[in-house]
PDB file of N, CA and C in Angstrom:
ATOM      1  N   UNK A   1      96.289 117.402 111.395  1.00  0.00           N
ATOM      2  CA  UNK A   1      95.239 118.219 111.167  1.00  0.00           C
ATOM      3  C   UNK A   1      93.780 117.948 111.176  1.00  0.00           C
ATOM      4  N   UNK A   2      93.292 116.489 110.724  1.00  0.00           N
ATOM      5  CA  UNK A   2      92.648 116.002 110.772  1.00  0.00           C
ATOM      6  C   UNK A   2      91.405 115.732 111.846  1.00  0.00           C
ATOM      7  N   UNK A   3      92.062 115.730 113.277  1.00  0.00           N
ATOM      8  CA  UNK A   3      91.526 115.375 114.039  1.00  0.00           C
ATOM      9  C   UNK A   3      90.743 117.008 114.782  1.00  0.00           C
ATOM     10  N   UNK A   4      91.915 118.027 113.962  1.00  0.00           N
ATOM     11  CA  UNK A   4      91.434 119.257 114.878  1.00  0.00           C
ATOM     12  C   UNK A   4      90.087 119.714 113.912  1.00  0.00           C
ATOM     13  N   UNK A   5      89.619 119.465 112.704  1.00  0.00           N
ATOM     14  CA  UNK A   5      88.201 119.283 112.108  1.00  0.00           C
ATOM     15  C   UNK A   5      87.453 118.738 112.784  1.00  0.00           C
ATOM     16  N   UNK A   6      87.672 117.251 113.222  1.00  0.00           N
ATOM     17  CA  UNK A   6      86.564 116.718 114.241  1.00  0.00           C
ATOM     18  C   UNK A   6      86.129 117.237 115.475  1.00  0.00           C
ATOM     19  N   UNK A   7      87.400 117.694 115.977  1.00  0.00           N
ATOM     20  CA  UNK A   7      86.691 118.315 117.525  1.00  0.00           C
ATOM     21  C   UNK A   7      86.145 119.732 117.105  1.00  0.00           C
ATOM     22  N   UNK A   8      86.444 120.474 116.168  1.00  0.00           N
ATOM     23  CA  UNK A   8      85.758 121.679 116.209  1.00  0.00           C
ATOM     24  C   UNK A   8      84.556 121.473 115.467  1.00  0.00           C
ATOM     25  N   UNK A   9      83.848 120.330 115.057  1.00  0.00           N
ATOM     26  CA  UNK A   9      82.625 119.919 114.547  1.00  0.00           C
ATOM     27  C   UNK A   9      81.260 120.361 115.108  1.00  0.00           C
ATOM     28  N   UNK A  10      80.048 120.737 114.912  1.00  0.00           N
ATOM     29  CA  UNK A  10      79.208 121.109 115.877  1.00  0.00           C
ATOM     30  C   UNK A  10      78.798 119.722 116.324  1.00  0.00           C
ATOM     31  N   UNK A  11      78.974 118.536 115.972  1.00  0.00           N
ATOM     32  CA  UNK A  11      78.384 117.382 116.518  1.00  0.00           C
ATOM     33  C   UNK A  11      79.633 117.182 117.715  1.00  0.00           C
ATOM     34  N   UNK A  12      80.246 117.197 117.747  1.00  0.00           N
ATOM     35  CA  UNK A  12      81.647 116.923 118.650  1.00  0.00           C
ATOM     36  C   UNK A  12      81.114 117.979 119.635  1.00  0.00           C
ATOM     37  N   UNK A  13      80.755 119.204 119.845  1.00  0.00           N
ATOM     38  CA  UNK A  13      80.364 119.938 120.485  1.00  0.00           C
ATOM     39  C   UNK A  13      79.312 119.861 121.631  1.00  0.00           C
ATOM     40  N   UNK A  14      78.098 119.082 120.419  1.00  0.00           N
ATOM     41  CA  UNK A  14      76.811 118.832 121.292  1.00  0.00           C
ATOM     42  C   UNK A  14      77.320 117.571 121.650  1.00  0.00           C
ATOM     43  N   UNK A  15      77.708 116.634 121.608  1.00  0.00           N
ATOM     44  CA  UNK A  15      78.308 115.375 122.208  1.00  0.00           C
ATOM     45  C   UNK A  15      79.346 116.006 123.587  1.00  0.00           C
ATOM     46  N   UNK A  16      79.744 116.851 123.953  1.00  0.00           N
ATOM     47  CA  UNK A  16      80.899 117.496 124.507  1.00  0.00           C
ATOM     48  C   UNK A  16      79.411 117.813 125.663  1.00  0.00           C
ATOM     49  N   UNK A  17      78.622 118.767 125.321  1.00  0.00           N
ATOM     50  CA  UNK A  17      77.502 119.261 126.278  1.00  0.00           C
ATOM     51  C   UNK A  17      76.782 118.712 126.814  1.00  0.00           C
ATOM     52  N   UNK A  18      76.348 117.537 126.076  1.00  0.00           N
ATOM     53  CA  UNK A  18      75.517 116.716 126.259  1.00  0.00           C
ATOM     54  C   UNK A  18      76.149 115.668 127.809  1.00  0.00           C
ATOM     55  N   UNK A  19      77.281 115.284 127.762  1.00  0.00           N
ATOM     56  CA  UNK A  19      78.244 114.559 128.420  1.00  0.00           C
ATOM     57  C   UNK A  19      78.300 115.459 129.719  1.00  0.00           C
ATOM     58  N   UNK A  20      78.523 116.631 129.630  1.00  0.00           N
ATOM     59  CA  UNK A  20      78.218 117.230 130.348  1.00  0.00           C
ATOM     60  C   UNK A  20      77.557 117.643 131.397  1.00  0.00           C
ATOM     61  N   UNK A  21      76.134 118.186 130.857  1.00  0.00           N
ATOM     62  CA  UNK A  21      74.928 117.747 131.607  1.00  0.00           C
ATOM     63  C   UNK A  21      74.512 116.523 131.997  1.00  0.00           C
ATOM     64  N   UNK A  22      74.790 115.378 131.256  1.00  0.00           N
ATOM     65  CA  UNK A  22      74.477 114.356 132.304  1.00  0.00           C
ATOM     66  C   UNK A  22      75.434 113.956 133.255  1.00  0.00           C
ATOM     67  N   UNK A  23      76.824 114.449 133.194  1.00  0.00           N
ATOM     68  CA  UNK A  23      77.366 113.825 134.584  1.00  0.00           C
ATOM     69  C   UNK A  23      76.998 114.910 135.240  1.00  0.00           C
ATOM     70  N   UNK A  24      76.820 116.398 135.653  1.00  0.00           N
ATOM     71  CA  UNK A  24      76.300 117.342 136.433  1.00  0.00           C
ATOM     72  C   UNK A  24      74.701 116.638 137.160  1.00  0.00           C
ATOM     73  N   UNK A  25      74.060 116.231 135.850  1.00  0.00           N
ATOM     74  CA  UNK A  25      72.594 115.791 136.496  1.00  0.00           C
ATOM     75  C   UNK A  25      73.039 114.630 137.393  1.00  0.00           C
ATOM     76  N   UNK A  26      73.643 113.688 137.102  1.00  0.00           N
ATOM     77  CA  UNK A  26      73.858 112.554 138.316  1.00  0.00           C
ATOM     78  C   UNK A  26      74.692 112.687 139.289  1.00  0.00           C
ATOM     79  N   UNK A  27      75.444 113.882 139.396  1.00  0.00           N
ATOM     80  CA  UNK A  27      76.344 114.407 140.498  1.00  0.00           C
ATOM     81  C   UNK A  27      75.178 114.590 141.011  1.00  0.00           C
ATOM     82  N   UNK A  28      74.133 115.614 141.202  1.00  0.00           N
ATOM     83  CA  UNK A  28      73.470 116.237 141.434  1.00  0.00           C
ATOM     84  C   UNK A  28      72.483 115.134 142.239  1.00  0.00           C
ATOM     85  N   UNK A  29      72.093 114.374 141.241  1.00  0.00           N
ATOM     86  CA  UNK A  29      71.133 113.031 141.666  1.00  0.00           C
ATOM     87  C   UNK A  29      71.512 112.500 143.075  1.00  0.00           C
ATOM     88  N   UNK A  30      73.206 112.136 142.909  1.00  0.00           N
ATOM     89  CA  UNK A  30      73.515 111.110 143.633  1.00  0.00           C
ATOM     90  C   UNK A  30      74.547 111.606 145.540  1.00  0.00           C
ATOM     91  N   UNK A  31      74.716 112.874 144.961  1.00  0.00           N
ATOM     92  CA  UNK A  31      75.735 113.912 146.088  1.00  0.00           C
ATOM     93  C   UNK A  31      74.877 114.804 146.116  1.00  0.00           C
ATOM     94  N   UNK A  32      74.001 114.775 147.297  1.00  0.00           N
ATOM     95  CA  UNK A  32      73.372 116.016 147.846  1.00  0.00           C
ATOM     96  C   UNK A  32      73.756 117.011 148.834  1.00  0.00           C
ATOM     97  N   UNK A  33      74.862 116.472 149.499  1.00  0.00           N
ATOM     98  CA  UNK A  33      75.498 117.238 150.431  1.00  0.00           C
ATOM     99  C   UNK A  33      76.988 117.745 150.052  1.00  0.00           C
ATOM    100  N   UNK A  34      77.240 119.265 150.160  1.00  0.00           N
ATOM    101  CA  UNK A  34      78.833 119.254 149.922  1.00  0.00           C
ATOM    102  C   UNK A  34      79.646 118.178 150.159  1.00  0.00           C
ATOM    103  N   UNK A  35      80.444 118.196 149.047  1.00  0.00           N
ATOM    104  CA  UNK A  35      81.747 117.101 148.908  1.00  0.00           C
ATOM    105  C   UNK A  35      82.975 117.806 148.768  1.00  0.00           C
ATOM    106  N   UNK A  36      84.092 116.773 149.277  1.00  0.00           N
ATOM    107  CA  UNK A  36      85.361 117.397 148.625  1.00  0.00           C
ATOM    108  C   UNK A  36      85.547 119.049 149.265  1.00  0.00           C
ATOM    109  N   UNK A  37      85.959 119.885 148.695  1.00  0.00           N
ATOM    110  CA  UNK A  37      86.113 121.346 148.730  1.00  0.00           C
ATOM    111  C   UNK A  37      84.956 121.915 148.670  1.00  0.00           C
ATOM    112  N   UNK A  38      83.741 121.327 148.846  1.00  0.00           N
ATOM    113  CA  UNK A  38      82.418 122.255 148.433  1.00  0.00           C
ATOM    114  C   UNK A  38      82.319 122.881 149.898  1.00  0.00           C
ATOM    115  N   UNK A  39      82.441 122.043 151.016  1.00  0.00           N
ATOM    116  CA  UNK A  39      82.159 122.976 152.288  1.00  0.00           C
ATOM    117  C   UNK A  39      82.552 124.264 152.497  1.00  0.00           C
ATOM    118  N   UNK A  40      84.307 124.445 151.922  1.00  0.00           N
ATOM    119  CA  UNK A  40      84.438 125.238 152.157  1.00  0.00           C
ATOM    120  C   UNK A  40      83.869 126.909 150.595  1.00  0.00           C
ATOM    121  N   UNK A  41      83.899 126.210 149.668  1.00  0.00           N
ATOM    122  CA  UNK A  41      83.297 127.079 148.694  1.00  0.00           C
ATOM    123  C   UNK A  41      81.998 127.666 148.568  1.00  0.00           C
ATOM    124  N   UNK A  42      80.934 126.573 148.969  1.00  0.00           N
ATOM    125  CA  UNK A  42      79.481 126.605 148.615  1.00  0.00           C
ATOM    126  C   UNK A  42      79.394 128.089 150.040  1.00  0.00           C
ATOM    127  N   UNK A  43      79.375 127.768 151.549  1.00  0.00           N
ATOM    128  CA  UNK A  43      79.644 129.546 152.056  1.00  0.00           C
ATOM    129  C   UNK A  43      79.668 130.583 151.326  1.00  0.00           C
ATOM    130  N   UNK A  44      81.280 130.673 151.063  1.00  0.00           N
ATOM    131  CA  UNK A  44      81.715 131.802 150.115  1.00  0.00           C
ATOM    132  C   UNK A  44      80.664 132.023 149.024  1.00  0.00           C
ATOM    133  N   UNK A  45      80.523 131.101 147.976  1.00  0.00           N
ATOM    134  CA  UNK A  45      79.895 131.613 146.409  1.00  0.00           C
ATOM    135  C   UNK A  45      78.324 131.604 147.171  1.00  0.00           C
ATOM    136  N   UNK A  46      77.628 131.411 148.569  1.00  0.00           N
ATOM    137  CA  UNK A  46      76.627 131.908 148.711  1.00  0.00           C
ATOM    138  C   UNK A  46      76.509 133.346 149.218  1.00  0.00           C
ATOM    139  N   UNK A  47      77.695 133.778 150.010  1.00  0.00           N
ATOM    140  CA  UNK A  47      77.995 135.244 150.644  1.00  0.00           C
ATOM    141  C   UNK A  47      77.913 135.778 149.756  1.00  0.00           C
ATOM    142  N   UNK A  48      78.382 135.924 148.470  1.00  0.00           N
ATOM    143  CA  UNK A  48      78.824 136.564 147.234  1.00  0.00           C
ATOM    144  C   UNK A  48      77.205 136.801 146.275  1.00  0.00           C
ATOM    145  N   UNK A  49      76.651 135.401 146.741  1.00  0.00           N
ATOM    146  CA  UNK A  49      75.087 135.457 145.878  1.00  0.00           C
ATOM    147  C   UNK A  49      74.433 136.939 146.691  1.00  0.00           C
ATOM    148  N   UNK A  50      74.887 137.017 147.894  1.00  0.00           N
ATOM    149  CA  UNK A  50      73.937 137.839 148.570  1.00  0.00           C
ATOM    150  C   UNK A  50      74.667 139.345 148.913  1.00  0.00           C
ATOM    151  N   UNK A  51      75.815 139.351 147.770  1.00  0.00           N
ATOM    152  CA  UNK A  51      75.950 140.580 147.725  1.00  0.00           C
ATOM    153  C   UNK A  51      77.014 140.861 148.800  1.00  0.00           C
ATOM    154  N   UNK A  52      77.591 140.288 149.776  1.00  0.00           N
ATOM    155  CA  UNK A  52      78.137 140.185 151.099  1.00  0.00           C
ATOM    156  C   UNK A  52      79.552 139.869 150.661  1.00  0.00           C
ATOM    157  N   UNK A  53      80.314 141.230 149.505  1.00  0.00           N
ATOM    158  CA  UNK A  53      81.748 141.164 149.153  1.00  0.00           C
ATOM    159  C   UNK A  53      82.974 141.117 150.029  1.00  0.00           C
ATOM    160  N   UNK A  54      82.646 141.703 151.505  1.00  0.00           N
ATOM    161  CA  UNK A  54      84.014 141.356 152.364  1.00  0.00           C
ATOM    162  C   UNK A  54      83.875 140.225 153.000  1.00  0.00           C
ATOM    163  N   UNK A  55      82.773 138.972 152.509  1.00  0.00           N
ATOM    164  CA  UNK A  55      83.270 138.261 153.398  1.00  0.00           C
ATOM    165  C   UNK A  55      84.194 137.078 152.642  1.00  0.00           C
ATOM    166  N   UNK A  56      85.123 136.787 153.375  1.00  0.00           N
ATOM    167  CA  UNK A  56      86.116 135.759 152.376  1.00  0.00           C
ATOM    168  C   UNK A  56      86.850 134.758 153.671  1.00  0.00           C
ATOM    169  N   UNK A  57      86.700 133.464 153.022  1.00  0.00           N
ATOM    170  CA  UNK A  57      87.389 132.122 154.239  1.00  0.00           C
ATOM    171  C   UNK A  57      88.683 132.539 154.045  1.00  0.00           C
ATOM    172  N   UNK A  58      89.829 132.374 154.777  1.00  0.00           N
ATOM    173  CA  UNK A  58      91.222 132.756 154.446  1.00  0.00           C
ATOM    174  C   UNK A  58      91.692 131.249 154.070  1.00  0.00           C
ATOM    175  N   UNK A  59      90.952 130.319 154.188  1.00  0.00           N
ATOM    176  CA  UNK A  59      91.519 128.484 153.648  1.00  0.00           C
ATOM    177  C   UNK A  59      91.059 128.505 152.209  1.00  0.00           C
ATOM    178  N   UNK A  60      90.093 129.369 151.766  1.00  0.00           N
ATOM    179  CA  UNK A  60      90.407 129.540 150.156  1.00  0.00           C
ATOM    180  C   UNK A  60      91.708 130.341 149.464  1.00  0.00           C
ATOM    181  N   UNK A  61      92.105 129.622 148.393  1.00  0.00           N
ATOM    182  CA  UNK A  61      92.955 130.114 147.690  1.00  0.00           C
ATOM    183  C   UNK A  61      93.218 130.003 146.754  1.00  0.00           C
ATOM    184  N   UNK A  62      91.447 129.851 146.050  1.00  0.00           N
ATOM    185  CA  UNK A  62      91.531 130.261 144.514  1.00  0.00           C
ATOM    186  C   UNK A  62      90.823 131.887 144.357  1.00  0.00           C
ATOM    187  N   UNK A  63      90.837 132.348 143.444  1.00  0.00           N
ATOM    188  CA  UNK A  63      90.271 133.402 142.684  1.00  0.00           C
ATOM    189  C   UNK A  63      88.804 133.456 143.016  1.00  0.00           C
ATOM    190  N   UNK A  64      88.511 134.570 143.024  1.00  0.00           N
ATOM    191  CA  UNK A  64      86.832 134.517 143.129  1.00  0.00           C
ATOM    192  C   UNK A  64      86.210 134.404 141.711  1.00  0.00           C
ATOM    193  N   UNK A  65      86.258 133.746 140.890  1.00  0.00           N
ATOM    194  CA  UNK A  65      85.825 134.046 139.523  1.00  0.00           C
ATOM    195  C   UNK A  65      84.330 133.130 139.542  1.00  0.00           C
ATOM    196  N   UNK A  66      84.402 132.160 140.253  1.00  0.00           N
ATOM    197  CA  UNK A  66      83.029 131.643 140.000  1.00  0.00           C
ATOM    198  C   UNK A  66      82.115 131.850 140.693  1.00  0.00           C
ATOM    199  N   UNK A  67      82.804 132.831 142.146  1.00  0.00           N
ATOM    200  CA  UNK A  67      81.429 133.214 142.975  1.00  0.00           C
ATOM    201  C   UNK A  67      80.801 134.578 142.163  1.00  0.00           C
ATOM    202  N   UNK A  68      81.525 135.169 141.940  1.00  0.00           N
ATOM    203  CA  UNK A  68      80.878 136.100 140.673  1.00  0.00           C
ATOM    204  C   UNK A  68      80.203 135.958 139.847  1.00  0.00           C
ATOM    205  N   UNK A  69      80.758 134.618 139.117  1.00  0.00           N
ATOM    206  CA  UNK A  69      79.303 133.989 138.263  1.00  0.00           C
ATOM    207  C   UNK A  69      78.094 133.705 138.392  1.00  0.00           C
ATOM    208  N   UNK A  70      78.255 133.082 139.702  1.00  0.00           N
ATOM    209  CA  UNK A  70      77.234 132.487 140.842  1.00  0.00           C
ATOM    210  C   UNK A  70      76.577 134.114 141.033  1.00  0.00           C
ATOM    211  N   UNK A  71      77.140 134.871 141.220  1.00  0.00           N
ATOM    212  CA  UNK A  71      75.999 136.071 141.780  1.00  0.00           C
ATOM    213  C   UNK A  71      75.618 137.030 140.485  1.00  0.00           C
ATOM    214  N   UNK A  72      76.159 136.554 139.500  1.00  0.00           N
ATOM    215  CA  UNK A  72      75.702 137.464 138.148  1.00  0.00           C
ATOM    216  C   UNK A  72      74.220 136.403 137.859  1.00  0.00           C
ATOM    217  N   UNK A  73      74.585 134.829 137.741  1.00  0.00           N
ATOM    218  CA  UNK A  73      73.391 134.666 137.438  1.00  0.00           C
ATOM    219  C   UNK A  73      72.410 134.344 138.300  1.00  0.00           C
ATOM    220  N   UNK A  74      72.723 134.583 139.374  1.00  0.00           N
ATOM    221  CA  UNK A  74      71.483 134.849 140.547  1.00  0.00           C
ATOM    222  C   UNK A  74      70.878 135.944 139.902  1.00  0.00           C
ATOM    223  N   UNK A  75      71.555 137.137 140.069  1.00  0.00           N
ATOM    224  CA  UNK A  75      70.947 138.254 139.591  1.00  0.00           C
ATOM    225  C   UNK A  75      70.106 138.307 138.219  1.00  0.00           C
ATOM    226  N   UNK A  76      70.584 137.529 137.186  1.00  0.00           N
ATOM    227  CA  UNK A  76      69.802 137.599 135.964  1.00  0.00           C
ATOM    228  C   UNK A  76      68.746 136.813 136.392  1.00  0.00           C
ATOM    229  N   UNK A  77      68.995 135.502 136.577  1.00  0.00           N
ATOM    230  CA  UNK A  77      67.763 134.590 136.467  1.00  0.00           C
ATOM    231  C   UNK A  77      66.829 134.308 138.188  1.00  0.00           C
ATOM    232  N   UNK A  78      67.500 135.167 138.680  1.00  0.00           N
ATOM    233  CA  UNK A  78      66.557 135.017 139.777  1.00  0.00           C
ATOM    234  C   UNK A  78      66.282 133.362 140.890  1.00  0.00           C
ATOM    235  N   UNK A  79      67.751 132.782 140.517  1.00  0.00           N
ATOM    236  CA  UNK A  79      67.794 131.622 141.057  1.00  0.00           C
ATOM    237  C   UNK A  79      68.260 131.695 142.587  1.00  0.00           C
ATOM    238  N   UNK A  80      67.961 130.658 143.066  1.00  0.00           N
ATOM    239  CA  UNK A  80      68.586 130.841 144.842  1.00  0.00           C
ATOM    240  C   UNK A  80      69.766 130.227 144.336  1.00  0.00           C
ATOM    241  N   UNK A  81      70.830 130.275 145.418  1.00  0.00           N
ATOM    242  CA  UNK A  81      72.274 129.804 145.464  1.00  0.00           C
ATOM    243  C   UNK A  81      72.436 128.844 146.185  1.00  0.00           C
ATOM    244  N   UNK A  82      71.842 127.705 145.709  1.00  0.00           N
ATOM    245  CA  UNK A  82      71.796 126.433 146.491  1.00  0.00           C
ATOM    246  C   UNK A  82      73.023 125.486 145.741  1.00  0.00           C
ATOM    247  N   UNK A  83      73.085 124.590 146.213  1.00  0.00           N
ATOM    248  CA  UNK A  83      74.128 123.292 145.698  1.00  0.00           C
ATOM    249  C   UNK A  83      74.109 123.032 144.160  1.00  0.00           C
ATOM    250  N   UNK A  84      72.665 122.724 143.481  1.00  0.00           N
ATOM    251  CA  UNK A  84      72.772 122.467 142.188  1.00  0.00           C
ATOM    252  C   UNK A  84      72.651 123.882 141.502  1.00  0.00           C
ATOM    253  N   UNK A  85      72.551 124.606 141.313  1.00  0.00           N
ATOM    254  CA  UNK A  85      72.838 126.090 141.200  1.00  0.00           C
ATOM    255  C   UNK A  85      74.613 126.375 140.951  1.00  0.00           C
ATOM    256  N   UNK A  86      75.248 126.112 141.891  1.00  0.00           N
ATOM    257  CA  UNK A  86      76.782 126.336 142.453  1.00  0.00           C
ATOM    258  C   UNK A  86      77.559 125.558 141.705  1.00  0.00           C
ATOM    259  N   UNK A  87      76.984 124.007 141.743  1.00  0.00           N
ATOM    260  CA  UNK A  87      77.515 123.184 140.664  1.00  0.00           C
ATOM    261  C   UNK A  87      77.343 123.408 139.223  1.00  0.00           C
ATOM    262  N   UNK A  88      76.039 124.152 138.786  1.00  0.00           N
ATOM    263  CA  UNK A  88      76.395 124.877 137.450  1.00  0.00           C
ATOM    264  C   UNK A  88      77.070 125.326 137.054  1.00  0.00           C
ATOM    265  N   UNK A  89      77.461 126.142 137.682  1.00  0.00           N
ATOM    266  CA  UNK A  89      78.178 127.517 137.258  1.00  0.00           C
ATOM    267  C   UNK A  89      79.414 127.172 136.276  1.00  0.00           C
ATOM    268  N   UNK A  90      80.460 126.065 137.200  1.00  0.00           N
ATOM    269  CA  UNK A  90      81.467 125.892 136.876  1.00  0.00           C
ATOM    270  C   UNK A  90      81.297 124.685 135.145  1.00  0.00           C
ATOM    271  N   UNK A  91      80.195 124.200 135.266  1.00  0.00           N
ATOM    272  CA  UNK A  91      79.898 123.228 134.122  1.00  0.00           C
ATOM    273  C   UNK A  91      79.814 124.630 133.059  1.00  0.00           C
ATOM    274  N   UNK A  92      78.949 125.817 133.320  1.00  0.00           N
ATOM    275  CA  UNK A  92      78.995 126.574 132.243  1.00  0.00           C
ATOM    276  C   UNK A  92      80.370 126.929 132.033  1.00  0.00           C
ATOM    277  N   UNK A  93      80.942 127.512 132.554  1.00  0.00           N
ATOM    278  CA  UNK A  93      82.131 128.057 131.972  1.00  0.00           C
ATOM    279  C   UNK A  93      82.912 126.663 131.047  1.00  0.00           C
ATOM    280  N   UNK A  94      82.873 125.221 131.477  1.00  0.00           N
ATOM    281  CA  UNK A  94      83.466 124.461 131.032  1.00  0.00           C
ATOM    282  C   UNK A  94      82.906 124.163 129.834  1.00  0.00           C
ATOM    283  N   UNK A  95      81.538 124.481 129.268  1.00  0.00           N
ATOM    284  CA  UNK A  95      80.879 124.403 128.278  1.00  0.00           C
ATOM    285  C   UNK A  95      81.418 125.510 127.333  1.00  0.00           C
ATOM    286  N   UNK A  96      81.979 126.372 127.920  1.00  0.00           N
ATOM    287  CA  UNK A  96      82.327 127.593 126.846  1.00  0.00           C
ATOM    288  C   UNK A  96      83.680 127.631 126.747  1.00  0.00           C
ATOM    289  N   UNK A  97      84.279 126.834 127.334  1.00  0.00           N
ATOM    290  CA  UNK A  97      86.090 126.751 126.761  1.00  0.00           C
ATOM    291  C   UNK A  97      86.041 126.083 125.486  1.00  0.00           C
ATOM    292  N   UNK A  98      85.305 125.179 124.879  1.00  0.00           N
ATOM    293  CA  UNK A  98      85.224 125.003 123.713  1.00  0.00           C
ATOM    294  C   UNK A  98      85.206 126.265 122.344  1.00  0.00           C
ATOM    295  N   UNK A  99      84.074 126.832 122.727  1.00  0.00           N
ATOM    296  CA  UNK A  99      83.761 127.746 122.050  1.00  0.00           C
ATOM    297  C   UNK A  99      85.014 129.014 122.261  1.00  0.00           C
ATOM    298  N   UNK A 100      85.333 129.250 123.229  1.00  0.00           N
ATOM    299  CA  UNK A 100      86.438 129.997 123.473  1.00  0.00           C
ATOM    300  C   UNK A 100      87.432 129.536 122.423  1.00  0.00           C
ATOM    301  N   UNK A 101      88.115 128.359 122.462  1.00  0.00           N
ATOM    302  CA  UNK A 101      89.466 128.307 121.367  1.00  0.00           C
ATOM    303  C   UNK A 101      88.949 128.143 120.369  1.00  0.00           C
ATOM    304  N   UNK A 102      87.773 127.578 119.919  1.00  0.00           N
ATOM    305  CA  UNK A 102      87.198 127.934 118.618  1.00  0.00           C
ATOM    306  C   UNK A 102      87.090 129.386 118.067  1.00  0.00           C
ATOM    307  N   UNK A 103      86.808 130.542 118.856  1.00  0.00           N
ATOM    308  CA  UNK A 103      86.670 131.953 118.449  1.00  0.00           C
ATOM    309  C   UNK A 103      88.744 132.447 118.197  1.00  0.00           C
ATOM    310  N   UNK A 104      89.500 131.840 119.333  1.00  0.00           N
ATOM    311  CA  UNK A 104      90.828 132.016 119.096  1.00  0.00           C
ATOM    312  C   UNK A 104      91.400 131.604 117.674  1.00  0.00           C
ATOM    313  N   UNK A 105      90.997 130.832 117.300  1.00  0.00           N
ATOM    314  CA  UNK A 105      91.278 129.773 116.260  1.00  0.00           C
ATOM    315  C   UNK A 105      91.278 130.717 115.011  1.00  0.00           C
ATOM    316  N   UNK A 106      89.873 131.485 114.992  1.00  0.00           N
ATOM    317  CA  UNK A 106      89.497 132.061 113.768  1.00  0.00           C
ATOM    318  C   UNK A 106      90.089 133.516 114.072  1.00  0.00           C
TER     319      UNK A 106
END
């Protein structure tokens, strides 16, 4: 049980956030073009950002949750749906996991 107390500490969460942001920043500074499966996902997310809900690439097998998140973030903050923002969306979801788990424990 002692490890659970350490993992739920605010200091651990701050370190987790810092590591996530540093990795994202490094990836964006080194990898400028869509990488791995991003050539499929980036155009799909950009279509959703432009409210083109009928567009769907049949090669994509994942649910559209992150695309919807990108569209919502774009609408709220008026960002352009470019690669760095689209990479930020999963990172934001990643940062919410410890908060969600902590809420479930309470």
